[in-house]
Amino acid sequence: MRAAIGVLAAIVAGCGGRIEASAPAPAVTPTPITASAPTPTTRRVVISAAGDLVLNALAMGSVRAGGDEAAGYRALLDGYARAVRDDEIAYLNLEMPLVDDVIALEPGWAPSPARDARAPVLGGTVELARVLASIGVDVVGVANNHAYDQGYDGLRRTLAALDDARVAHAGTSSESLEHALEPVLLERDGARVALISATVQLNRRAHGAGAIHLGRTSPIDRIERAIRDARSHADVVVVAPHWGRDFAMRADSEQRALARAFVDAGADLVLGTGPHVLHEIVRVPSARGEAVVAYSLGNVASGMGRAYRLGHDPPENVHPANVRAEGRDGLVLRVAITIDERGAITFERVEGVALWTENDFLARGDRVHVRVVPLDEAAPDVRAEREPAVRAALGDAIELVPIAP
């Protein structure tokens, strides 16, 4: 992480204590947020956001193939890392515990006449937290359907690993759900950004505090109150919901209603994840001028789409996670926001770098290499097929740009 960014307060669980001024930041501290008015001068902040980092057994096998996990994670995420800049606050959704030894890993399966559906059980390693910090990730969402894949103990250890690596995290707590509801507050160049995260679904449950679950443990009015409270402490409020159905190709009415409720409560930027495919990005009116809603940012990296064949329609009798190209599409969304002296915000720029996850499963079988690259660097025939599809999915409110040299 970058020393220029400081966490004013972060009240997610497993907090590891105050960070000295000379240490890299943002840091997670147990200090509660105290009310203070935004600074009455024009400020500017750049936020980047990417989708789900969800590494199944195939992707983890690629990470471990060379025997050095840190190097494996770096190789996997190289294309994403090169799309993240030093002058921005970088967010992604960490859709996996950083623990793999509590509950046996399970690939999962889709429902069929012979068996019921079973969700995958995921797990990585704590080394990933250190790699995320080193490549510039400032804050991650941990409230998602895989939060309890390694039980409450796995979640607690995941939060501790992020704390040790000094990666801020939102939407979960090992102390209480009230702690999990409070935002992570980050500062950059005098602009304060609050981030709140929550999930609509949980694959499994565990005893103890944990993930903010929309509509059950934390109904929408509690999230709205948290947004309004964050509004009084921050110049920009970001809400990162994990929602939607896997491989649904567009946002549904529930997601659109939730997004509107978040904006009405005071959110400026909504960063949706969960469907594992790219959805529309839109500008919507708000009391402060406008807000931007990204309904789904796709995957940062995964082992999905392993059996995708260029130029072929996916077979209907195979789970889309295995055969659809959309599971290998990704995006680094970048928004540049100006806050004027009255507190009104303007989105100067809404742009993104399209990503593509290379996966040579069909050519190599068990010895698979998985890595993320900018779509501009993918094979020409892949670019020719995926770029129009990505542009169609995202809509006209965002400009796709090449990766910076």
Foldseek 3Di string as FASTA:
>chain_A
DALQKEWPAALAAPFDADDDSVDRDDAHHNDDDDFDAADLAKDKAKEKEWEEPAAAPLLQCQCPVVPDNLVSLCQFQVAVLLQDDPRHAYEYAYQAFQADPQDHFACWDDDDPVDHTADTQHYHHLSVLLSCLVSRHAEYELAEQNNQSNALVSNSVRVNSNNVNRRHYAFWHQAANVSRQAWGWMDHRSFIETEHEAEQHHSDHHPGTTGHHEPPPQDLVNNLVNQLVVQSHGLAYEYEYEDDAAQPLEDDPVLVVSVVSSQASPHQEYEYAHNQFFAEWDWAQHPLGIHIYGNHFHHSFYCFQQQADQPDDFDPVGPNRHYPQRNFKGKTWMWMWMQRSVSRIDTPATEIFIKGWDWNCVPPPSNIHIHIHGLVPDDPSSNVPVVVVNDVRHDDPYHYDHRDD
